[in-house]
Amino acid sequence: MPTEFDKAKENAPVHVAIIMDGNGRWAKERGKPRIYGHNEGAKRIREVLSAAKKVGVKFLTLYAFSSENWSRPPDEVAALMKLLVSSIEKYGRELVENRVKFTAIGEVSALPPECEKAVRDLEEKTREFSEGTLALALNYGSRAEAAKAARLLAQKAARGEIDPSAIDWDMFSSGLDTAGMPDPDLIIRTSGEQRLSNFLTLQAAYSELYFTDVYWPDFGEEEFFKAVSEFKRRERRYGKTADQL
C-alpha cells in the first residue's frame, strides 16, 4: 500500500531547474552588502536538494553564475568565486556521502583556476553515483552553448563525418552541455522576474515555468513543494490540444 512518502513522488517532475534570483535585493532590504545575500542563498541549496529528493526529483540544475555575470563589480565577482570554492568544499562531502552525482554546465575552463579545480575534483569524485544529479550552471549562457553545439556539427560536416541534411534535434542536442540529462520538466525563477535570462532556452521548449516573488535566500523546502504542487496540477500537452491527448 502506497505511503504518504510514495504519494508525494507521484507525477513529480524528473528534472527541475532553478534560476536563483534575488540575493542582492534580499540583502539590500536588510541593509547588508550583496555578498551577504549570496552567502545566505548558498545555504538554500542543501535544503532544496533535500526537498527535491523527498518528492522524487532526479535532476536538479541551478543557475549559479551566468556568462553575463562577469560584468558585475570585480569585488562581487571575486567574492562569488570564493563562495563557489567554499561551498563545494563544505557541501561536496554530503554529495559524496549521499551518492549524488555533481556536474557543471557552462564554460568552466574560463573560471579562475582554483574554481575549475574544485568543480572538476567534485565531478570526478561523484562521477559514478546515481542517487540523483546536482548540476550547477557556471559561466553558462544558452546562446553560447547553442553556438558551440553548432560549431561541433559544422566541424564534423566539414570532415565528412556527417551529412548536413541528416542533422536533427537529437544530433544537435548531443552537443549541448546538458547531453545525457532529460530536458527540465519545471523551471523555477525566484524574486518576481519572469524571464529565462539565457538559461536553458532550447531545453525549455516544453518546460513548465513557475515564477515566485520570493527571493532565493527565503526559498526553502516549503516554497519548493509549492512549485512542485503547482506543476502537478498542470496538464502538459507538448503542443497537442486537449482532444489529442
Protein backbone atom coordinates (compact mmCIF):
# COMPACT_ATOMS: atom_id res chain seq x y z
CA MET A 1 0.00 0.00 0.00
CA PRO A 2 1.48 3.39 -1.02
CA THR A 3 2.74 5.53 1.84
CA GLU A 4 2.41 9.32 2.05
CA PHE A 5 6.06 9.46 1.02
CA ASP A 6 5.30 7.42 -2.10
CA LYS A 7 2.29 9.60 -2.93
CA ALA A 8 4.45 12.73 -2.74
CA LYS A 9 6.53 11.30 -5.60
CA GLU A 10 3.58 10.61 -7.90
CA ASN A 11 3.74 12.67 -11.12
CA ALA A 12 6.74 14.57 -9.80
CA PRO A 13 9.00 16.36 -12.30
CA VAL A 14 12.08 14.34 -13.16
CA HIS A 15 14.22 17.41 -13.79
CA VAL A 16 13.80 20.77 -12.05
CA ALA A 17 15.92 23.79 -12.98
CA ILE A 18 16.05 26.93 -10.87
CA ILE A 19 17.11 30.50 -11.61
CA MET A 20 18.26 31.52 -8.13
CA ASP A 21 17.46 35.22 -8.25
CA GLY A 22 17.12 37.99 -5.69
CA ASN A 23 20.14 37.56 -3.43
CA GLY A 24 21.29 41.15 -3.86
CA ARG A 25 17.85 42.71 -3.34
CA TRP A 26 17.25 40.49 -0.32
CA ALA A 27 20.47 41.77 1.24
CA LYS A 28 19.79 45.40 0.31
CA GLU A 29 16.40 45.32 2.03
CA ARG A 30 18.24 44.27 5.19
CA GLY A 31 20.93 46.92 4.89
CA LYS A 32 23.57 44.33 4.09
CA PRO A 33 26.13 44.08 1.25
CA ARG A 34 25.19 41.97 -1.78
CA ILE A 35 27.64 39.19 -0.90
CA TYR A 36 25.73 38.67 2.35
CA GLY A 37 22.72 37.74 0.23
CA HIS A 38 24.82 35.40 -1.91
CA ASN A 39 26.14 33.68 1.20
CA GLU A 40 22.64 33.19 2.57
CA GLY A 41 21.45 32.00 -0.83
CA ALA A 42 24.16 29.34 -0.95
CA LYS A 43 22.70 27.83 2.22
CA ARG A 44 19.41 27.15 0.45
CA ILE A 45 20.99 24.67 -1.97
CA ARG A 46 21.26 21.93 0.64
CA GLU A 47 17.63 22.41 1.72
CA VAL A 48 16.28 22.46 -1.83
CA LEU A 49 18.34 19.42 -2.83
CA SER A 50 16.88 17.54 0.14
CA ALA A 51 13.35 18.66 -0.79
CA ALA A 52 13.89 17.54 -4.38
CA LYS A 53 14.90 14.08 -3.20
CA LYS A 54 11.81 13.83 -0.98
CA VAL A 55 9.43 14.35 -3.90
CA GLY A 56 11.30 12.16 -6.37
CA VAL A 57 13.16 14.73 -8.47
CA LYS A 58 16.17 13.04 -10.06
CA PHE A 59 17.92 16.04 -11.63
CA LEU A 60 18.30 19.50 -10.11
CA THR A 61 20.01 22.22 -12.15
CA LEU A 62 20.83 25.56 -10.54
CA TYR A 63 21.78 28.74 -12.40
CA ALA A 64 24.71 29.81 -10.24
CA PHE A 65 26.74 32.17 -12.45
CA SER A 66 25.85 33.31 -15.95
CA SER A 67 28.26 34.32 -18.69
CA GLU A 68 26.85 37.85 -18.29
CA ASN A 69 27.65 37.99 -14.57
CA TRP A 70 31.29 38.90 -15.32
CA SER A 71 30.04 42.47 -15.84
CA ARG A 72 29.26 42.80 -12.13
CA PRO A 73 31.66 44.79 -9.91
CA PRO A 74 35.03 42.98 -9.68
CA ASP A 75 34.86 42.67 -5.90
CA GLU A 76 31.46 40.98 -6.14
CA VAL A 77 32.69 38.56 -8.81
CA ALA A 78 35.76 37.71 -6.72
CA ALA A 79 33.55 37.10 -3.69
CA LEU A 80 31.27 34.84 -5.74
CA MET A 81 34.22 32.78 -6.95
CA LYS A 82 35.45 32.43 -3.37
CA LEU A 83 31.94 31.41 -2.29
CA LEU A 84 31.83 28.78 -5.04
CA VAL A 85 35.01 27.12 -3.79
CA SER A 86 33.99 27.23 -0.14
CA SER A 87 30.52 25.87 -0.91
CA ILE A 88 31.93 22.95 -2.90
CA GLU A 89 34.31 22.17 -0.04
CA LYS A 90 31.53 22.49 2.54
CA TYR A 91 28.72 20.62 0.81
CA GLY A 92 30.65 18.35 -1.53
CA ARG A 93 31.21 15.82 1.23
CA GLU A 94 27.45 15.48 1.67
CA LEU A 95 27.02 14.77 -2.04
CA VAL A 96 29.63 12.03 -1.78
CA GLU A 97 28.03 10.57 1.35
CA ASN A 98 24.60 10.55 -0.32
CA ARG A 99 25.99 9.27 -3.64
CA VAL A 100 24.64 12.25 -5.57
CA LYS A 101 26.36 12.99 -8.86
CA PHE A 102 27.70 16.53 -9.30
CA THR A 103 28.23 18.11 -12.67
CA ALA A 104 28.70 21.58 -14.11
CA ILE A 105 27.43 23.09 -17.35
CA GLY A 106 28.90 26.15 -19.00
CA GLU A 107 32.43 27.27 -19.84
CA VAL A 108 34.00 26.07 -16.61
CA SER A 109 37.51 26.30 -18.09
CA ALA A 110 37.17 30.11 -18.09
CA LEU A 111 36.67 30.24 -14.31
CA PRO A 112 39.63 31.06 -12.04
CA PRO A 113 41.94 28.00 -11.73
CA GLU A 114 41.01 27.27 -8.11
CA CYS A 115 37.31 27.29 -9.04
CA GLU A 116 37.77 24.99 -12.02
CA LYS A 117 39.83 22.61 -9.90
CA ALA A 118 37.20 22.46 -7.15
CA VAL A 119 34.48 21.77 -9.72
CA ARG A 120 36.44 19.12 -11.63
CA ASP A 121 37.56 17.36 -8.46
CA LEU A 122 33.99 17.01 -7.20
CA GLU A 123 32.79 15.88 -10.63
CA GLU A 124 35.40 13.15 -10.60
CA LYS A 125 34.59 12.03 -7.05
CA THR A 126 30.89 11.66 -7.85
CA ARG A 127 31.10 10.56 -11.49
CA GLU A 128 29.73 7.05 -10.91
CA PHE A 129 26.95 7.99 -8.46
CA SER A 130 23.30 7.54 -9.41
CA GLU A 131 21.16 8.58 -6.43
CA GLY A 132 20.43 11.89 -8.12
CA THR A 133 22.21 14.63 -10.03
CA LEU A 134 23.01 18.19 -8.99
CA ALA A 135 24.12 20.37 -11.89
CA LEU A 136 25.47 23.89 -11.46
CA ALA A 137 25.35 26.28 -14.40
CA LEU A 138 28.66 28.16 -14.12
CA ASN A 139 29.76 30.76 -16.64
CA TYR A 140 26.77 29.48 -18.58
CA GLY A 141 24.80 31.09 -21.39
CA SER A 142 22.32 29.26 -23.58
CA ARG A 143 23.23 31.15 -26.75
CA ALA A 144 26.94 30.39 -26.33
CA GLU A 145 26.04 26.76 -25.66
CA ALA A 146 24.00 26.60 -28.89
CA ALA A 147 26.79 28.22 -30.89
CA LYS A 148 29.28 25.69 -29.55
CA ALA A 149 26.99 22.79 -30.49
CA ALA A 150 26.59 24.25 -33.99
CA ARG A 151 30.37 24.55 -34.39
CA LEU A 152 30.82 20.91 -33.43
CA LEU A 153 28.37 19.81 -36.11
CA ALA A 154 29.91 22.13 -38.69
CA GLN A 155 33.37 20.66 -37.99
CA LYS A 156 32.03 17.10 -38.32
CA ALA A 157 30.30 18.01 -41.58
CA ALA A 158 33.48 19.61 -42.93
CA ARG A 159 35.38 16.40 -42.17
CA GLY A 160 32.72 14.37 -43.94
CA GLU A 161 31.71 12.57 -40.76
CA ILE A 162 28.05 13.58 -41.01
CA ASP A 163 25.61 14.55 -43.75
CA PRO A 164 24.30 18.08 -43.02
CA SER A 165 20.87 17.06 -44.29
CA ALA A 166 20.72 14.39 -41.57
CA ILE A 167 21.12 16.87 -38.70
CA ASP A 168 18.13 16.74 -36.37
CA TRP A 169 17.39 17.79 -32.80
CA ASP A 170 18.82 14.62 -31.29
CA MET A 171 22.10 15.12 -33.12
CA PHE A 172 22.24 18.81 -32.23
CA SER A 173 21.31 18.31 -28.58
CA SER A 174 24.09 15.77 -28.16
CA GLY A 175 26.47 18.72 -28.39
CA LEU A 176 24.75 20.73 -25.66
CA ASP A 177 26.15 20.91 -22.14
CA THR A 178 23.11 19.01 -20.87
CA ALA A 179 23.67 15.98 -23.11
CA GLY A 180 22.73 12.88 -21.16
CA MET A 181 20.23 14.76 -19.00
CA PRO A 182 16.50 14.98 -19.69
CA ASP A 183 15.10 18.39 -20.56
CA PRO A 184 13.76 20.22 -17.49
CA ASP A 185 10.13 19.48 -16.72
CA LEU A 186 9.88 22.50 -14.44
CA ILE A 187 11.84 25.76 -14.40
CA ILE A 188 11.51 27.92 -11.30
CA ARG A 189 12.57 31.56 -11.05
CA THR A 190 12.59 33.37 -7.75
CA SER A 191 12.38 37.12 -6.94
CA GLY A 192 9.46 38.09 -9.19
CA GLU A 193 11.27 38.32 -12.52
CA GLN A 194 9.52 36.46 -15.34
CA ARG A 195 12.07 35.56 -17.99
CA LEU A 196 14.63 32.83 -18.66
CA SER A 197 17.64 35.16 -18.94
CA ASN A 198 19.60 32.96 -21.37
CA PHE A 199 19.11 29.84 -19.24
CA LEU A 200 18.37 26.50 -20.95
CA THR A 201 16.30 28.27 -23.62
CA LEU A 202 16.47 25.36 -26.08
CA GLN A 203 15.92 22.70 -23.44
CA ALA A 204 12.95 24.67 -22.07
CA ALA A 205 10.80 24.21 -25.19
CA TYR A 206 8.16 22.25 -23.26
CA SER A 207 9.10 23.06 -19.68
CA GLU A 208 6.50 24.32 -17.24
CA LEU A 209 7.50 27.73 -15.89
CA TYR A 210 6.92 28.78 -12.28
CA PHE A 211 7.59 32.31 -11.07
CA THR A 212 7.51 33.41 -7.46
CA ASP A 213 8.10 36.75 -5.75
CA VAL A 214 10.07 35.02 -3.00
CA TYR A 215 13.77 35.92 -3.04
CA TRP A 216 16.16 32.97 -3.30
CA PRO A 217 17.52 33.28 0.30
CA ASP A 218 13.93 32.72 1.52
CA PHE A 219 13.20 29.88 -0.91
CA GLY A 220 13.32 26.71 1.17
CA GLU A 221 11.61 23.36 1.32
CA GLU A 222 8.08 24.73 1.68
CA GLU A 223 8.44 27.00 -1.34
CA PHE A 224 9.92 24.17 -3.39
CA PHE A 225 6.97 21.93 -2.51
CA LYS A 226 4.59 24.72 -3.61
CA ALA A 227 6.26 24.85 -7.00
CA VAL A 228 6.12 21.07 -7.44
CA SER A 229 2.46 21.01 -6.35
CA GLU A 230 1.65 23.63 -8.96
CA PHE A 231 3.49 21.55 -11.58
CA LYS A 232 1.39 18.51 -10.70
CA ARG A 233 -1.83 20.47 -11.22
CA ARG A 234 -0.92 21.45 -14.76
CA GLU A 235 -1.85 19.50 -17.87
CA ARG A 236 1.21 19.07 -20.06
CA ARG A 237 0.29 18.96 -23.76
CA TYR A 238 3.60 19.14 -25.64
CA GLY A 239 1.98 21.10 -28.44
CA LYS A 240 -1.15 18.93 -28.59
CA THR A 241 -4.69 20.11 -27.98
CA ALA A 242 -6.72 18.56 -25.20
CA ASP A 243 -8.70 16.32 -27.57
CA GLN A 244 -5.46 14.85 -28.96
CA LEU A 245 -4.29 13.56 -25.59
